[in-house]
């Protein structure tokens, strides 16, 4: 399985971690240093567990390891970014 080429804010995603399979929505993408001192993209995913909103922060350079998959992308987001023509 390969990681998605693009991840956008608002995408519905699924990934596997030690906590199991998590499904949520990308709420934030920012750049920060990792433990090695390299600046990499970090993806914040919001998901609900036990009726509480939880957040997971995933390093953007490890998406293949997490089996990160974009499940749904809103068409309005694609049109606003010029990725798709309005039909």
Protein backbone atom coordinates (compact mmCIF):
# COMPACT_ATOMS: atom_id res chain seq x y z
CA UNK A 1 0.00 0.00 0.00
CA UNK A 2 1.32 3.42 -0.89
CA UNK A 3 0.67 6.68 0.91
CA UNK A 4 -1.60 9.29 -0.74
CA UNK A 5 0.18 11.91 -2.83
CA UNK A 6 -1.86 14.76 -1.32
CA UNK A 7 -3.68 15.17 1.97
CA UNK A 8 -6.04 18.13 2.37
CA UNK A 9 -7.75 19.66 5.38
CA UNK A 10 -11.26 18.23 5.53
CA UNK A 11 -10.34 14.80 4.12
CA UNK A 12 -11.85 11.77 5.81
CA UNK A 13 -9.00 9.36 6.49
CA UNK A 14 -8.26 5.93 7.97
CA UNK A 15 -4.97 4.71 9.41
CA UNK A 16 -3.66 1.88 11.56
CA UNK A 17 -1.70 2.45 14.75
CA UNK A 18 -0.93 0.60 17.96
CA UNK A 19 -4.35 1.74 19.20
CA UNK A 20 -6.05 -0.02 16.30
CA UNK A 21 -7.67 1.36 13.19
CA UNK A 22 -8.57 5.05 13.53
CA UNK A 23 -11.04 6.88 11.27
CA UNK A 24 -11.27 10.65 11.41
CA UNK A 25 -11.00 13.99 9.64
CA UNK A 26 -7.86 15.99 8.88
CA UNK A 27 -8.19 19.26 10.80
CA UNK A 28 -4.71 20.77 10.53
CA UNK A 29 -1.47 20.40 8.60
CA UNK A 30 1.61 22.23 9.84
CA UNK A 31 5.40 22.01 9.74
CA UNK A 32 7.49 21.34 12.83
CA UNK A 33 10.68 19.60 13.86
CA UNK A 34 10.76 15.89 14.56
CA UNK A 35 13.05 14.19 17.10
CA UNK A 36 15.88 14.16 14.55
CA UNK A 37 15.67 17.94 14.10
CA UNK A 38 14.27 17.78 10.55
CA UNK A 39 11.32 20.00 9.65
CA UNK A 40 8.52 17.77 8.35
CA UNK A 41 4.75 18.09 7.81
CA UNK A 42 2.56 16.97 10.71
CA UNK A 43 -1.07 15.97 10.07
CA UNK A 44 -3.63 16.41 12.86
CA UNK A 45 -6.58 14.00 12.68
CA UNK A 46 -9.72 14.47 14.80
CA UNK A 47 -11.71 11.36 15.71
CA UNK A 48 -14.37 10.42 18.26
CA UNK A 49 -13.77 7.76 20.89
CA UNK A 50 -16.12 7.03 23.79
CA UNK A 51 -18.20 10.14 22.88
CA UNK A 52 -15.14 12.39 23.25
CA UNK A 53 -13.25 14.26 20.55
CA UNK A 54 -9.66 13.06 20.33
CA UNK A 55 -6.74 14.28 18.24
CA UNK A 56 -3.83 12.35 16.78
CA UNK A 57 -0.76 14.01 15.29
CA UNK A 58 0.87 11.94 12.55
CA UNK A 59 4.25 12.67 10.93
CA UNK A 60 3.81 13.29 7.22
CA UNK A 61 6.87 11.29 6.25
CA UNK A 62 5.51 8.03 7.80
CA UNK A 63 2.11 7.77 6.10
CA UNK A 64 2.93 4.49 4.35
CA UNK A 65 3.98 2.91 7.65
CA UNK A 66 0.63 3.85 9.20
CA UNK A 67 -1.26 2.52 6.15
CA UNK A 68 -2.79 6.00 5.84
CA UNK A 69 -5.67 6.13 3.33
CA UNK A 70 -7.87 9.05 2.20
CA UNK A 71 -11.39 7.61 2.36
CA UNK A 72 -13.42 10.65 1.26
CA UNK A 73 -12.61 14.06 -0.12
CA UNK A 74 -15.34 16.67 -0.34
CA UNK A 75 -15.94 17.82 -3.92
CA UNK A 76 -16.31 21.44 -2.74
CA UNK A 77 -12.74 21.34 -1.42
CA UNK A 78 -11.48 20.05 -4.78
CA UNK A 79 -13.34 22.76 -6.71
CA UNK A 80 -12.08 25.53 -4.39
CA UNK A 81 -8.48 24.38 -4.85
CA UNK A 82 -8.87 24.13 -8.63
CA UNK A 83 -8.37 20.36 -8.69
CA UNK A 84 -11.75 19.70 -10.24
CA UNK A 85 -14.05 21.59 -12.62
CA UNK A 86 -17.60 22.45 -11.55
CA UNK A 87 -19.97 20.25 -13.61
